[in-house]
Amino acid sequence: MPNVFRRDRAQAIVTGERVSALMRERGVSTSSLANSVRIQRSTLENFCAGRRIPSELLAGIARTLDTTVTYLLANTEDSGPAGATTQ
């Protein structure tokens, strides 16, 4: 189980970093994002610090930040808007 824990922790850190970076890029405040997904600001701050983000919140966070859950989970490097196509 220790390897699973490390992998989950590493995933949470990457996801938190991506959420934080997109918030800066998109000009979305912590309070605004927390309100849009109906969580406490301190909860969002914990997520951005690398605590695990519950999967039920990822879709709302991605939608608000105009990206995809796939990007937030580091399964792709494309942070573009959800539904956008590349040429």
PDB file of N, CA and C in Angstrom:
ATOM      1  N   MET A   1       0.791  -1.213   0.000  1.00  0.00           N
ATOM      2  CA  MET A   1       0.000   0.000   0.000  1.00  0.00           C
ATOM      3  C   MET A   1       0.834   1.279   0.000  1.00  0.00           C
ATOM      4  N   PRO A   2       2.045   1.303   0.536  1.00  0.00           N
ATOM      5  CA  PRO A   2       2.802   2.549   0.540  1.00  0.00           C
ATOM      6  C   PRO A   2       2.992   3.138  -0.855  1.00  0.00           C
ATOM      7  N   ASN A   3       3.196   2.313  -1.880  1.00  0.00           N
ATOM      8  CA  ASN A   3       3.365   2.835  -3.235  1.00  0.00           C
ATOM      9  C   ASN A   3       2.093   3.511  -3.725  1.00  0.00           C
ATOM     10  N   VAL A   4       0.950   2.943  -3.388  1.00  0.00           N
ATOM     11  CA  VAL A   4      -0.325   3.546  -3.774  1.00  0.00           C
ATOM     12  C   VAL A   4      -0.464   4.909  -3.111  1.00  0.00           C
ATOM     13  N   PHE A   5      -0.111   4.988  -1.839  1.00  0.00           N
ATOM     14  CA  PHE A   5      -0.202   6.259  -1.116  1.00  0.00           C
ATOM     15  C   PHE A   5       0.693   7.308  -1.757  1.00  0.00           C
ATOM     16  N   ARG A   6       1.927   6.946  -2.072  1.00  0.00           N
ATOM     17  CA  ARG A   6       2.850   7.907  -2.691  1.00  0.00           C
ATOM     18  C   ARG A   6       2.329   8.361  -4.045  1.00  0.00           C
ATOM     19  N   ARG A   7       1.796   7.428  -4.829  1.00  0.00           N
ATOM     20  CA  ARG A   7       1.264   7.770  -6.145  1.00  0.00           C
ATOM     21  C   ARG A   7       0.056   8.693  -5.994  1.00  0.00           C
ATOM     22  N   ASP A   8      -0.837   8.379  -5.066  1.00  0.00           N
ATOM     23  CA  ASP A   8      -2.002   9.237  -4.833  1.00  0.00           C
ATOM     24  C   ASP A   8      -1.566  10.615  -4.359  1.00  0.00           C
ATOM     25  N   ARG A   9      -0.595  10.675  -3.480  1.00  0.00           N
ATOM     26  CA  ARG A   9      -0.099  11.960  -2.963  1.00  0.00           C
ATOM     27  C   ARG A   9       0.541  12.761  -4.090  1.00  0.00           C
ATOM     28  N   ALA A  10       1.351  12.095  -4.913  1.00  0.00           N
ATOM     29  CA  ALA A  10       1.990  12.785  -6.038  1.00  0.00           C
ATOM     30  C   ALA A  10       0.938  13.311  -7.006  1.00  0.00           C
ATOM     31  N   GLN A  11      -0.086  12.524  -7.260  1.00  0.00           N
ATOM     32  CA  GLN A  11      -1.176  12.943  -8.144  1.00  0.00           C
ATOM     33  C   GLN A  11      -1.887  14.158  -7.566  1.00  0.00           C
ATOM     34  N   ALA A  12      -2.145  14.149  -6.278  1.00  0.00           N
ATOM     35  CA  ALA A  12      -2.824  15.271  -5.630  1.00  0.00           C
ATOM     36  C   ALA A  12      -1.983  16.540  -5.710  1.00  0.00           C
ATOM     37  N   ILE A  13      -0.680  16.404  -5.564  1.00  0.00           N
ATOM     38  CA  ILE A  13       0.209  17.569  -5.652  1.00  0.00           C
ATOM     39  C   ILE A  13       0.173  18.161  -7.054  1.00  0.00           C
ATOM     40  N   VAL A  14       0.283  17.314  -8.074  1.00  0.00           N
ATOM     41  CA  VAL A  14       0.249  17.787  -9.460  1.00  0.00           C
ATOM     42  C   VAL A  14      -1.098  18.448  -9.755  1.00  0.00           C
ATOM     43  N   THR A  15      -2.180  17.822  -9.338  1.00  0.00           N
ATOM     44  CA  THR A  15      -3.508  18.392  -9.573  1.00  0.00           C
ATOM     45  C   THR A  15      -3.634  19.744  -8.886  1.00  0.00           C
ATOM     46  N   GLY A  16      -3.189  19.848  -7.655  1.00  0.00           N
ATOM     47  CA  GLY A  16      -3.229  21.115  -6.926  1.00  0.00           C
ATOM     48  C   GLY A  16      -2.410  22.195  -7.610  1.00  0.00           C
ATOM     49  N   GLU A  17      -1.235  21.812  -8.102  1.00  0.00           N
ATOM     50  CA  GLU A  17      -0.384  22.774  -8.814  1.00  0.00           C
ATOM     51  C   GLU A  17      -1.065  23.257 -10.090  1.00  0.00           C
ATOM     52  N   ARG A  18      -1.714  22.344 -10.794  1.00  0.00           N
ATOM     53  CA  ARG A  18      -2.394  22.730 -12.031  1.00  0.00           C
ATOM     54  C   ARG A  18      -3.593  23.633 -11.754  1.00  0.00           C
ATOM     55  N   VAL A  19      -4.344  23.328 -10.710  1.00  0.00           N
ATOM     56  CA  VAL A  19      -5.474  24.187 -10.346  1.00  0.00           C
ATOM     57  C   VAL A  19      -4.949  25.578 -10.003  1.00  0.00           C
ATOM     58  N   SER A  20      -3.901  25.663  -9.194  1.00  0.00           N
ATOM     59  CA  SER A  20      -3.333  26.953  -8.799  1.00  0.00           C
ATOM     60  C   SER A  20      -2.833  27.742 -10.002  1.00  0.00           C
ATOM     61  N   ALA A  21      -2.116  27.070 -10.897  1.00  0.00           N
ATOM     62  CA  ALA A  21      -1.583  27.752 -12.082  1.00  0.00           C
ATOM     63  C   ALA A  21      -2.702  28.270 -12.974  1.00  0.00           C
ATOM     64  N   LEU A  22      -3.739  27.468 -13.182  1.00  0.00           N
ATOM     65  CA  LEU A  22      -4.859  27.912 -14.014  1.00  0.00           C
ATOM     66  C   LEU A  22      -5.611  29.064 -13.364  1.00  0.00           C
ATOM     67  N   MET A  23      -5.723  29.053 -12.054  1.00  0.00           N
ATOM     68  CA  MET A  23      -6.377  30.165 -11.362  1.00  0.00           C
ATOM     69  C   MET A  23      -5.618  31.459 -11.650  1.00  0.00           C
ATOM     70  N   ARG A  24      -4.285  31.402 -11.575  1.00  0.00           N
ATOM     71  CA  ARG A  24      -3.474  32.592 -11.864  1.00  0.00           C
ATOM     72  C   ARG A  24      -3.640  33.014 -13.324  1.00  0.00           C
ATOM     73  N   GLU A  25      -3.508  32.057 -14.243  1.00  0.00           N
ATOM     74  CA  GLU A  25      -3.611  32.355 -15.675  1.00  0.00           C
ATOM     75  C   GLU A  25      -4.968  32.931 -16.058  1.00  0.00           C
ATOM     76  N   ARG A  26      -6.025  32.397 -15.463  1.00  0.00           N
ATOM     77  CA  ARG A  26      -7.379  32.792 -15.832  1.00  0.00           C
ATOM     78  C   ARG A  26      -7.919  33.944 -14.978  1.00  0.00           C
ATOM     79  N   GLY A  27      -7.123  34.366 -13.987  1.00  0.00           N
ATOM     80  CA  GLY A  27      -7.545  35.465 -13.128  1.00  0.00           C
ATOM     81  C   GLY A  27      -8.720  35.118 -12.234  1.00  0.00           C
ATOM     82  N   VAL A  28      -8.758  33.862 -11.783  1.00  0.00           N
ATOM     83  CA  VAL A  28      -9.840  33.392 -10.905  1.00  0.00           C
ATOM     84  C   VAL A  28      -9.328  33.373  -9.471  1.00  0.00           C
ATOM     85  N   SER A  29     -10.014  34.043  -8.584  1.00  0.00           N
ATOM     86  CA  SER A  29      -9.594  34.073  -7.184  1.00  0.00           C
ATOM     87  C   SER A  29      -9.991  32.782  -6.468  1.00  0.00           C
ATOM     88  N   THR A  30      -9.320  32.540  -5.362  1.00  0.00           N
ATOM     89  CA  THR A  30      -9.644  31.366  -4.544  1.00  0.00           C
ATOM     90  C   THR A  30     -11.096  31.431  -4.075  1.00  0.00           C
ATOM     91  N   SER A  31     -11.506  32.599  -3.643  1.00  0.00           N
ATOM     92  CA  SER A  31     -12.886  32.763  -3.162  1.00  0.00           C
ATOM     93  C   SER A  31     -13.896  32.498  -4.270  1.00  0.00           C
ATOM     94  N   SER A  32     -13.621  33.034  -5.452  1.00  0.00           N
ATOM     95  CA  SER A  32     -14.533  32.859  -6.584  1.00  0.00           C
ATOM     96  C   SER A  32     -14.661  31.391  -6.980  1.00  0.00           C
ATOM     97  N   LEU A  33     -13.529  30.692  -7.074  1.00  0.00           N
ATOM     98  CA  LEU A  33     -13.569  29.279  -7.449  1.00  0.00           C
ATOM     99  C   LEU A  33     -14.259  28.463  -6.363  1.00  0.00           C
ATOM    100  N   ALA A  34     -13.938  28.734  -5.111  1.00  0.00           N
ATOM    101  CA  ALA A  34     -14.571  28.010  -4.004  1.00  0.00           C
ATOM    102  C   ALA A  34     -16.084  28.208  -4.027  1.00  0.00           C
ATOM    103  N   ASN A  35     -16.523  29.428  -4.260  1.00  0.00           N
ATOM    104  CA  ASN A  35     -17.965  29.697  -4.335  1.00  0.00           C
ATOM    105  C   ASN A  35     -18.618  28.971  -5.502  1.00  0.00           C
ATOM    106  N   SER A  36     -17.941  28.920  -6.633  1.00  0.00           N
ATOM    107  CA  SER A  36     -18.545  28.292  -7.812  1.00  0.00           C
ATOM    108  C   SER A  36     -18.724  26.786  -7.645  1.00  0.00           C
ATOM    109  N   VAL A  37     -17.860  26.149  -6.858  1.00  0.00           N
ATOM    110  CA  VAL A  37     -18.005  24.706  -6.638  1.00  0.00           C
ATOM    111  C   VAL A  37     -18.588  24.394  -5.262  1.00  0.00           C
ATOM    112  N   ARG A  38     -19.005  25.452  -4.569  1.00  0.00           N
ATOM    113  CA  ARG A  38     -19.708  25.349  -3.289  1.00  0.00           C
ATOM    114  C   ARG A  38     -18.915  24.628  -2.202  1.00  0.00           C
ATOM    115  N   ILE A  39     -17.673  25.109  -2.020  1.00  0.00           N
ATOM    116  CA  ILE A  39     -16.843  24.601  -0.925  1.00  0.00           C
ATOM    117  C   ILE A  39     -16.251  25.799  -0.187  1.00  0.00           C
ATOM    118  N   GLN A  40     -15.713  25.543   0.990  1.00  0.00           N
ATOM    119  CA  GLN A  40     -15.040  26.587   1.765  1.00  0.00           C
ATOM    120  C   GLN A  40     -13.736  26.978   1.059  1.00  0.00           C
ATOM    121  N   ARG A  41     -13.369  28.236   1.180  1.00  0.00           N
ATOM    122  CA  ARG A  41     -12.107  28.702   0.600  1.00  0.00           C
ATOM    123  C   ARG A  41     -10.932  27.922   1.177  1.00  0.00           C
ATOM    124  N   SER A  42     -10.959  27.654   2.468  1.00  0.00           N
ATOM    125  CA  SER A  42      -9.867  26.918   3.114  1.00  0.00           C
ATOM    126  C   SER A  42      -9.755  25.495   2.556  1.00  0.00           C
ATOM    127  N   THR A  43     -10.877  24.912   2.181  1.00  0.00           N
ATOM    128  CA  THR A  43     -10.860  23.576   1.580  1.00  0.00           C
ATOM    129  C   THR A  43     -10.143  23.623   0.242  1.00  0.00           C
ATOM    130  N   LEU A  44     -10.459  24.626  -0.569  1.00  0.00           N
ATOM    131  CA  LEU A  44      -9.787  24.776  -1.862  1.00  0.00           C
ATOM    132  C   LEU A  44      -8.295  25.030  -1.664  1.00  0.00           C
ATOM    133  N   GLU A  45      -7.943  25.839  -0.701  1.00  0.00           N
ATOM    134  CA  GLU A  45      -6.532  26.092  -0.416  1.00  0.00           C
ATOM    135  C   GLU A  45      -5.805  24.804  -0.048  1.00  0.00           C
ATOM    136  N   ASN A  46      -6.469  23.938   0.710  1.00  0.00           N
ATOM    137  CA  ASN A  46      -5.871  22.637   1.044  1.00  0.00           C
ATOM    138  C   ASN A  46      -5.671  21.795  -0.208  1.00  0.00           C
ATOM    139  N   PHE A  47      -6.641  21.805  -1.114  1.00  0.00           N
ATOM    140  CA  PHE A  47      -6.509  21.054  -2.361  1.00  0.00           C
ATOM    141  C   PHE A  47      -5.314  21.565  -3.160  1.00  0.00           C
ATOM    142  N   CYS A  48      -5.195  22.883  -3.247  1.00  0.00           N
ATOM    143  CA  CYS A  48      -4.098  23.484  -4.010  1.00  0.00           C
ATOM    144  C   CYS A  48      -2.745  23.193  -3.374  1.00  0.00           C
ATOM    145  N   ALA A  49      -2.742  22.922  -2.079  1.00  0.00           N
ATOM    146  CA  ALA A  49      -1.508  22.592  -1.368  1.00  0.00           C
ATOM    147  C   ALA A  49      -1.132  21.119  -1.521  1.00  0.00           C
ATOM    148  N   GLY A  50      -1.948  20.365  -2.227  1.00  0.00           N
ATOM    149  CA  GLY A  50      -1.592  18.976  -2.495  1.00  0.00           C
ATOM    150  C   GLY A  50      -2.394  17.943  -1.756  1.00  0.00           C
ATOM    151  N   ARG A  51      -3.469  18.372  -1.096  1.00  0.00           N
ATOM    152  CA  ARG A  51      -4.355  17.375  -0.513  1.00  0.00           C
ATOM    153  C   ARG A  51      -5.266  16.858  -1.609  1.00  0.00           C
ATOM    154  N   ARG A  52      -5.755  15.694  -1.452  1.00  0.00           N
ATOM    155  CA  ARG A  52      -6.578  15.045  -2.462  1.00  0.00           C
ATOM    156  C   ARG A  52      -7.853  15.837  -2.742  1.00  0.00           C
ATOM    157  N   ILE A  53      -8.149  16.013  -4.032  1.00  0.00           N
ATOM    158  CA  ILE A  53      -9.373  16.690  -4.449  1.00  0.00           C
ATOM    159  C   ILE A  53     -10.423  15.616  -4.731  1.00  0.00           C
ATOM    160  N   PRO A  54     -11.543  15.633  -4.044  1.00  0.00           N
ATOM    161  CA  PRO A  54     -12.587  14.638  -4.312  1.00  0.00           C
ATOM    162  C   PRO A  54     -13.032  14.699  -5.778  1.00  0.00           C
ATOM    163  N   SER A  55     -13.183  13.545  -6.370  1.00  0.00           N
ATOM    164  CA  SER A  55     -13.512  13.480  -7.796  1.00  0.00           C
ATOM    165  C   SER A  55     -14.797  14.211  -8.142  1.00  0.00           C
ATOM    166  N   GLU A  56     -15.745  14.265  -7.217  1.00  0.00           N
ATOM    167  CA  GLU A  56     -17.007  14.947  -7.514  1.00  0.00           C
ATOM    168  C   GLU A  56     -16.827  16.456  -7.663  1.00  0.00           C
ATOM    169  N   LEU A  57     -15.713  17.002  -7.184  1.00  0.00           N
ATOM    170  CA  LEU A  57     -15.454  18.428  -7.329  1.00  0.00           C
ATOM    171  C   LEU A  57     -14.634  18.766  -8.566  1.00  0.00           C
ATOM    172  N   LEU A  58     -13.914  17.788  -9.105  1.00  0.00           N
ATOM    173  CA  LEU A  58     -13.033  18.058 -10.235  1.00  0.00           C
ATOM    174  C   LEU A  58     -13.768  18.605 -11.453  1.00  0.00           C
ATOM    175  N   ALA A  59     -14.930  18.073 -11.759  1.00  0.00           N
ATOM    176  CA  ALA A  59     -15.670  18.540 -12.933  1.00  0.00           C
ATOM    177  C   ALA A  59     -16.053  20.005 -12.785  1.00  0.00           C
ATOM    178  N   GLY A  60     -16.507  20.411 -11.613  1.00  0.00           N
ATOM    179  CA  GLY A  60     -16.868  21.806 -11.381  1.00  0.00           C
ATOM    180  C   GLY A  60     -15.664  22.728 -11.436  1.00  0.00           C
ATOM    181  N   ILE A  61     -14.561  22.280 -10.882  1.00  0.00           N
ATOM    182  CA  ILE A  61     -13.330  23.070 -10.931  1.00  0.00           C
ATOM    183  C   ILE A  61     -12.871  23.218 -12.378  1.00  0.00           C
ATOM    184  N   ALA A  62     -12.869  22.119 -13.115  1.00  0.00           N
ATOM    185  CA  ALA A  62     -12.458  22.161 -14.524  1.00  0.00           C
ATOM    186  C   ALA A  62     -13.366  23.083 -15.329  1.00  0.00           C
ATOM    187  N   ARG A  63     -14.647  22.984 -15.113  1.00  0.00           N
ATOM    188  CA  ARG A  63     -15.605  23.823 -15.837  1.00  0.00           C
ATOM    189  C   ARG A  63     -15.363  25.302 -15.545  1.00  0.00           C
ATOM    190  N   THR A  64     -15.176  25.640 -14.290  1.00  0.00           N
ATOM    191  CA  THR A  64     -14.950  27.026 -13.899  1.00  0.00           C
ATOM    192  C   THR A  64     -13.640  27.560 -14.477  1.00  0.00           C
ATOM    193  N   LEU A  65     -12.615  26.716 -14.531  1.00  0.00           N
ATOM    194  CA  LEU A  65     -11.313  27.142 -15.045  1.00  0.00           C
ATOM    195  C   LEU A  65     -11.180  26.942 -16.550  1.00  0.00           C
ATOM    196  N   ASP A  66     -12.266  26.523 -17.204  1.00  0.00           N
ATOM    197  CA  ASP A  66     -12.300  26.339 -18.654  1.00  0.00           C
ATOM    198  C   ASP A  66     -11.204  25.389 -19.136  1.00  0.00           C
ATOM    199  N   THR A  67     -11.157  24.230 -18.491  1.00  0.00           N
ATOM    200  CA  THR A  67     -10.205  23.194 -18.866  1.00  0.00           C
ATOM    201  C   THR A  67     -10.899  21.851 -18.738  1.00  0.00           C
ATOM    202  N   THR A  68     -10.131  20.777 -18.726  1.00  0.00           N
ATOM    203  CA  THR A  68     -10.707  19.441 -18.612  1.00  0.00           C
ATOM    204  C   THR A  68     -10.205  18.744 -17.352  1.00  0.00           C
ATOM    205  N   VAL A  69     -10.969  17.791 -16.888  1.00  0.00           N
ATOM    206  CA  VAL A  69     -10.542  16.963 -15.762  1.00  0.00           C
ATOM    207  C   VAL A  69      -9.282  16.201 -16.160  1.00  0.00           C
ATOM    208  N   THR A  70      -9.209  15.795 -17.393  1.00  0.00           N
ATOM    209  CA  THR A  70      -8.036  15.066 -17.894  1.00  0.00           C
ATOM    210  C   THR A  70      -6.764  15.883 -17.698  1.00  0.00           C
ATOM    211  N   TYR A  71      -6.838  17.174 -17.964  1.00  0.00           N
ATOM    212  CA  TYR A  71      -5.669  18.039 -17.748  1.00  0.00           C
ATOM    213  C   TYR A  71      -5.349  18.150 -16.255  1.00  0.00           C
ATOM    214  N   LEU A  72      -6.363  18.386 -15.446  1.00  0.00           N
ATOM    215  CA  LEU A  72      -6.131  18.533 -14.011  1.00  0.00           C
ATOM    216  C   LEU A  72      -5.487  17.283 -13.409  1.00  0.00           C
ATOM    217  N   LEU A  73      -5.837  16.123 -13.945  1.00  0.00           N
ATOM    218  CA  LEU A  73      -5.273  14.864 -13.438  1.00  0.00           C
ATOM    219  C   LEU A  73      -3.938  14.512 -14.088  1.00  0.00           C
ATOM    220  N   ALA A  74      -3.419  15.424 -14.920  1.00  0.00           N
ATOM    221  CA  ALA A  74      -2.117  15.263 -15.579  1.00  0.00           C
ATOM    222  C   ALA A  74      -2.093  14.109 -16.575  1.00  0.00           C
ATOM    223  N   ASN A  75      -3.243  13.820 -17.179  1.00  0.00           N
ATOM    224  CA  ASN A  75      -3.291  12.789 -18.214  1.00  0.00           C
ATOM    225  C   ASN A  75      -3.062  13.372 -19.596  1.00  0.00           C
ATOM    226  N   THR A  76      -2.977  14.706 -19.676  1.00  0.00           N
ATOM    227  CA  THR A  76      -2.663  15.403 -20.916  1.00  0.00           C
ATOM    228  C   THR A  76      -1.964  16.706 -20.542  1.00  0.00           C
ATOM    229  N   GLU A  77      -1.225  17.260 -21.485  1.00  0.00           N
ATOM    230  CA  GLU A  77      -0.563  18.544 -21.267  1.00  0.00           C
ATOM    231  C   GLU A  77      -1.361  19.695 -21.860  1.00  0.00           C
ATOM    232  N   ASP A  78      -2.480  19.395 -22.512  1.00  0.00           N
ATOM    233  CA  ASP A  78      -3.307  20.411 -23.147  1.00  0.00           C
ATOM    234  C   ASP A  78      -4.272  21.008 -22.128  1.00  0.00           C
ATOM    235  N   SER A  79      -4.010  22.245 -21.728  1.00  0.00           N
ATOM    236  CA  SER A  79      -4.867  22.896 -20.732  1.00  0.00           C
ATOM    237  C   SER A  79      -5.965  23.719 -21.381  1.00  0.00           C
ATOM    238  N   GLY A  80      -6.092  23.591 -22.690  1.00  0.00           N
ATOM    239  CA  GLY A  80      -7.079  24.380 -23.425  1.00  0.00           C
ATOM    240  C   GLY A  80      -8.491  24.156 -22.942  1.00  0.00           C
ATOM    241  N   PRO A  81      -9.382  25.009 -23.420  1.00  0.00           N
ATOM    242  CA  PRO A  81     -10.780  24.910 -23.007  1.00  0.00           C
ATOM    243  C   PRO A  81     -11.368  23.531 -23.267  1.00  0.00           C
ATOM    244  N   ALA A  82     -12.249  23.139 -22.414  1.00  0.00           N
ATOM    245  CA  ALA A  82     -12.962  21.873 -22.591  1.00  0.00           C
ATOM    246  C   ALA A  82     -13.717  21.925 -23.911  1.00  0.00           C
ATOM    247  N   GLY A  83     -13.615  20.880 -24.692  1.00  0.00           N
ATOM    248  CA  GLY A  83     -14.334  20.813 -25.955  1.00  0.00           C
ATOM    249  C   GLY A  83     -13.606  21.475 -27.121  1.00  0.00           C
ATOM    250  N   ALA A  84     -12.454  22.111 -26.849  1.00  0.00           N
ATOM    251  CA  ALA A  84     -11.703  22.753 -27.929  1.00  0.00           C
ATOM    252  C   ALA A  84     -10.980  21.706 -28.740  1.00  0.00           C
ATOM    253  N   THR A  85     -10.839  21.978 -30.002  1.00  0.00           N
ATOM    254  CA  THR A  85     -10.094  21.073 -30.870  1.00  0.00           C
ATOM    255  C   THR A  85      -8.825  21.747 -31.310  1.00  0.00           C
ATOM    256  N   THR A  86      -7.778  20.956 -31.473  1.00  0.00           N
ATOM    257  CA  THR A  86      -6.510  21.485 -31.948  1.00  0.00           C
ATOM    258  C   THR A  86      -6.348  21.131 -33.402  1.00  0.00           C
ATOM    259  N   GLN A  87      -5.620  21.971 -34.119  1.00  0.00           N
ATOM    260  CA  GLN A  87      -5.439  21.748 -35.565  1.00  0.00           C
ATOM    261  C   GLN A  87      -4.018  21.401 -35.859  1.00  0.00           C
TER     262      GLN A  87
END
